């Protein structure tokens, strides 16, 4: 009989998540990173991973994880695991910025895009304005969400450690010394 995770996620996606996210995180726990530090590292990566900018996520994660003394690997895992959500939230962050700052709406039809393409300086100015306002909205969201995420992730990591003690041993074939 198939479990509910078998039905929700195909085997290829479950294997990808196990290999690219769960196992590296378990290796970090096994290597001595505390659940609290790992949770804050993941939360930082997740929050930065959904920022409404393009092309700065990796560098931003490196700089902030280094500045706060967090784990680089966990922060990068968190950030890059959020790529699909980043793509989904990109336009809503910009739209919220447009709404909150009462700026010109995004050109979403062909005629508006063609008009802006004939005015490159205006296009650059508008893009920068949309991006800047979206980043302000994202920052406000990040300030609230990051501590909550870190708290929930820490709890989940502690539960994971309790349930899967054999996964955390350096050599899982040896008996536990508990």
Protein backbone atom coordinates (compact mmCIF):
# COMPACT_ATOMS: atom_id res chain seq x y z
CA UNK A 1 0.00 0.00 0.00
CA UNK A 2 1.37 3.42 -0.96
CA UNK A 3 1.80 6.12 1.65
CA UNK A 4 0.36 9.60 1.16
CA UNK A 5 3.83 10.94 0.18
CA UNK A 6 4.04 8.36 -2.60
CA UNK A 7 0.84 9.73 -4.08
CA UNK A 8 1.72 13.42 -3.66
CA UNK A 9 5.31 13.31 -4.94
CA UNK A 10 6.69 11.14 -7.70
CA UNK A 11 9.68 8.98 -6.80
CA UNK A 12 12.07 11.11 -8.89
CA UNK A 13 11.17 14.27 -6.92
CA UNK A 14 11.38 12.46 -3.58
CA UNK A 15 14.82 11.11 -4.49
CA UNK A 16 15.95 14.58 -5.59
CA UNK A 17 14.80 16.06 -2.27
CA UNK A 18 16.51 13.26 -0.32
CA UNK A 19 19.81 13.60 -2.20
CA UNK A 20 20.00 17.37 -2.62
CA UNK A 21 18.37 18.66 0.56
CA UNK A 22 17.82 16.10 3.34
CA UNK A 23 21.13 14.20 3.17
CA UNK A 24 23.34 17.34 3.05
CA UNK A 25 21.44 18.78 6.01
CA UNK A 26 21.79 15.54 7.97
CA UNK A 27 25.54 15.52 7.20
CA UNK A 28 25.75 19.02 8.67
CA UNK A 29 23.95 17.90 11.83
CA UNK A 30 26.20 14.86 12.02
CA UNK A 31 29.21 17.16 11.57
CA UNK A 32 28.36 19.11 14.69
CA UNK A 33 26.29 22.05 13.47
CA UNK A 34 23.67 22.76 16.12
CA UNK A 35 19.97 22.61 15.20
CA UNK A 36 19.63 26.29 16.17
CA UNK A 37 22.47 27.44 13.92
CA UNK A 38 21.30 25.19 11.11
CA UNK A 39 17.74 26.52 11.45
CA UNK A 40 18.89 30.16 11.25
CA UNK A 41 21.11 29.28 8.27
CA UNK A 42 18.21 27.65 6.44
CA UNK A 43 15.82 30.48 7.34
CA UNK A 44 18.28 33.05 5.99
CA UNK A 45 18.62 31.09 2.75
CA UNK A 46 14.87 30.62 2.38
CA UNK A 47 14.08 34.28 2.97
CA UNK A 48 16.79 35.47 0.60
CA UNK A 49 15.73 32.81 -1.89
CA UNK A 50 12.35 34.48 -2.36
CA UNK A 51 13.68 38.04 -2.80
CA UNK A 52 12.25 39.87 -5.81
CA UNK A 53 15.53 40.45 -7.59
CA UNK A 54 17.27 38.51 -10.29
CA UNK A 55 20.86 37.36 -10.17
CA UNK A 56 21.98 38.37 -6.68
CA UNK A 57 20.66 35.55 -4.53
CA UNK A 58 23.84 33.47 -4.31
CA UNK A 59 26.12 36.42 -3.60
CA UNK A 60 23.68 37.86 -1.07
CA UNK A 61 23.46 34.52 0.77
CA UNK A 62 27.25 34.21 0.85
CA UNK A 63 27.70 37.72 2.24
CA UNK A 64 24.93 37.57 4.86
CA UNK A 65 25.72 34.03 6.03
CA UNK A 66 29.36 35.07 6.45
CA UNK A 67 28.41 38.33 8.23
CA UNK A 68 26.20 36.49 10.74
CA UNK A 69 28.47 33.47 11.11
CA UNK A 70 25.92 31.05 9.69
CA UNK A 71 26.48 27.86 7.74
CA UNK A 72 27.10 28.61 4.05
CA UNK A 73 26.00 25.20 2.77
CA UNK A 74 22.69 25.22 4.64
CA UNK A 75 21.98 28.81 3.59
CA UNK A 76 22.63 27.97 -0.06
CA UNK A 77 20.44 24.86 0.17
CA UNK A 78 17.62 26.98 1.61
CA UNK A 79 18.00 29.68 -1.03
CA UNK A 80 18.16 27.37 -4.02
CA UNK A 81 15.33 25.17 -2.78
CA UNK A 82 13.16 28.29 -3.00
CA UNK A 83 13.74 28.88 -6.72
CA UNK A 84 10.23 27.79 -7.77
CA UNK A 85 8.68 29.94 -5.04
CA UNK A 86 10.95 32.84 -6.03
CA UNK A 87 9.52 32.70 -9.55
CA UNK A 88 5.96 32.54 -8.24
CA UNK A 89 6.40 35.45 -5.80
CA UNK A 90 8.36 37.76 -8.11
CA UNK A 91 5.35 39.54 -9.61
CA UNK A 92 3.29 39.68 -6.38
CA UNK A 93 6.17 41.49 -4.62
CA UNK A 94 6.35 43.98 -7.48
CA UNK A 95 2.56 44.43 -7.50
CA UNK A 96 2.53 45.02 -3.75
CA UNK A 97 5.25 47.64 -4.19
CA UNK A 98 3.21 49.33 -6.93
CA UNK A 99 0.15 49.32 -4.69
CA UNK A 100 1.91 50.55 -1.52
CA UNK A 101 3.97 53.27 -3.22
CA UNK A 102 1.27 54.32 -5.73
CA UNK A 103 3.53 53.98 -8.76
CA UNK A 104 2.73 53.19 -12.37
CA UNK A 105 1.46 49.65 -12.90
CA UNK A 106 3.52 47.04 -14.66
CA UNK A 107 3.07 46.96 -18.44
CA UNK A 108 1.50 43.59 -19.02
CA UNK A 109 0.00 43.87 -22.48
CA UNK A 110 1.80 44.09 -25.83
CA UNK A 111 0.90 47.72 -26.54
CA UNK A 112 2.27 48.91 -23.18
CA UNK A 113 5.47 46.91 -23.64
CA UNK A 114 6.00 48.27 -27.15
CA UNK A 115 5.48 51.83 -25.90
CA UNK A 116 8.06 51.36 -23.14
CA UNK A 117 10.53 49.77 -25.56
CA UNK A 118 10.62 53.05 -27.50
CA UNK A 119 11.63 54.92 -24.32
CA UNK A 120 14.66 53.03 -22.93
CA UNK A 121 15.54 55.57 -20.21
CA UNK A 122 11.99 55.56 -18.92
CA UNK A 123 11.98 51.77 -19.03
CA UNK A 124 15.18 51.58 -16.95
CA UNK A 125 13.81 54.13 -14.47
CA UNK A 126 10.50 52.28 -14.13
CA UNK A 127 12.16 48.88 -13.73
CA UNK A 128 14.46 50.27 -11.06
CA UNK A 129 11.50 51.85 -9.25
CA UNK A 130 9.46 48.63 -9.35
CA UNK A 131 12.44 46.61 -8.15
CA UNK A 132 13.29 49.02 -5.34
CA UNK A 133 9.72 49.09 -4.05
CA UNK A 134 9.43 45.30 -4.28
CA UNK A 135 12.65 44.94 -2.27
CA UNK A 136 11.23 47.18 0.46
CA UNK A 137 8.11 45.00 0.64
CA UNK A 138 10.27 41.86 0.69
CA UNK A 139 12.43 43.28 3.50
CA UNK A 140 9.34 43.93 5.63
CA UNK A 141 8.14 40.38 5.01
CA UNK A 142 11.62 38.95 5.70
CA UNK A 143 11.92 40.70 9.07
CA UNK A 144 8.72 39.01 10.24
CA UNK A 145 9.08 35.63 8.53
CA UNK A 146 12.73 34.79 9.19
CA UNK A 147 12.53 34.40 13.01
CA UNK A 148 9.32 32.40 12.67
CA UNK A 149 10.89 30.13 10.07
CA UNK A 150 14.01 29.63 12.18
CA UNK A 151 11.88 28.65 15.17
CA UNK A 152 9.81 26.11 13.23
CA UNK A 153 12.80 24.70 11.36
CA UNK A 154 14.70 24.24 14.64
CA UNK A 155 11.75 22.30 16.10
CA UNK A 156 11.58 20.15 12.98
CA UNK A 157 15.33 19.46 13.10
CA UNK A 158 15.16 18.45 16.76
CA UNK A 159 12.28 16.07 15.96
CA UNK A 160 14.20 14.71 12.98
CA UNK A 161 17.24 14.10 15.17
CA UNK A 162 15.14 12.28 17.78
CA UNK A 163 13.35 10.09 15.26
CA UNK A 164 16.38 9.23 13.15
CA UNK A 165 19.28 8.90 15.58
CA UNK A 166 20.93 6.31 13.33
CA UNK A 167 21.11 8.82 10.49
CA UNK A 168 23.13 11.18 12.68
CA UNK A 169 25.85 8.73 13.70
CA UNK A 170 29.13 9.00 11.82
CA UNK A 171 29.00 5.32 10.94
CA UNK A 172 25.39 4.08 10.92
CA UNK A 173 26.49 0.41 10.88
CA UNK A 174 27.94 0.67 14.40
CA UNK A 175 25.59 0.21 17.35
CA UNK A 176 24.52 3.32 19.21
CA UNK A 177 26.47 4.28 22.32
CA UNK A 178 23.40 5.88 24.00
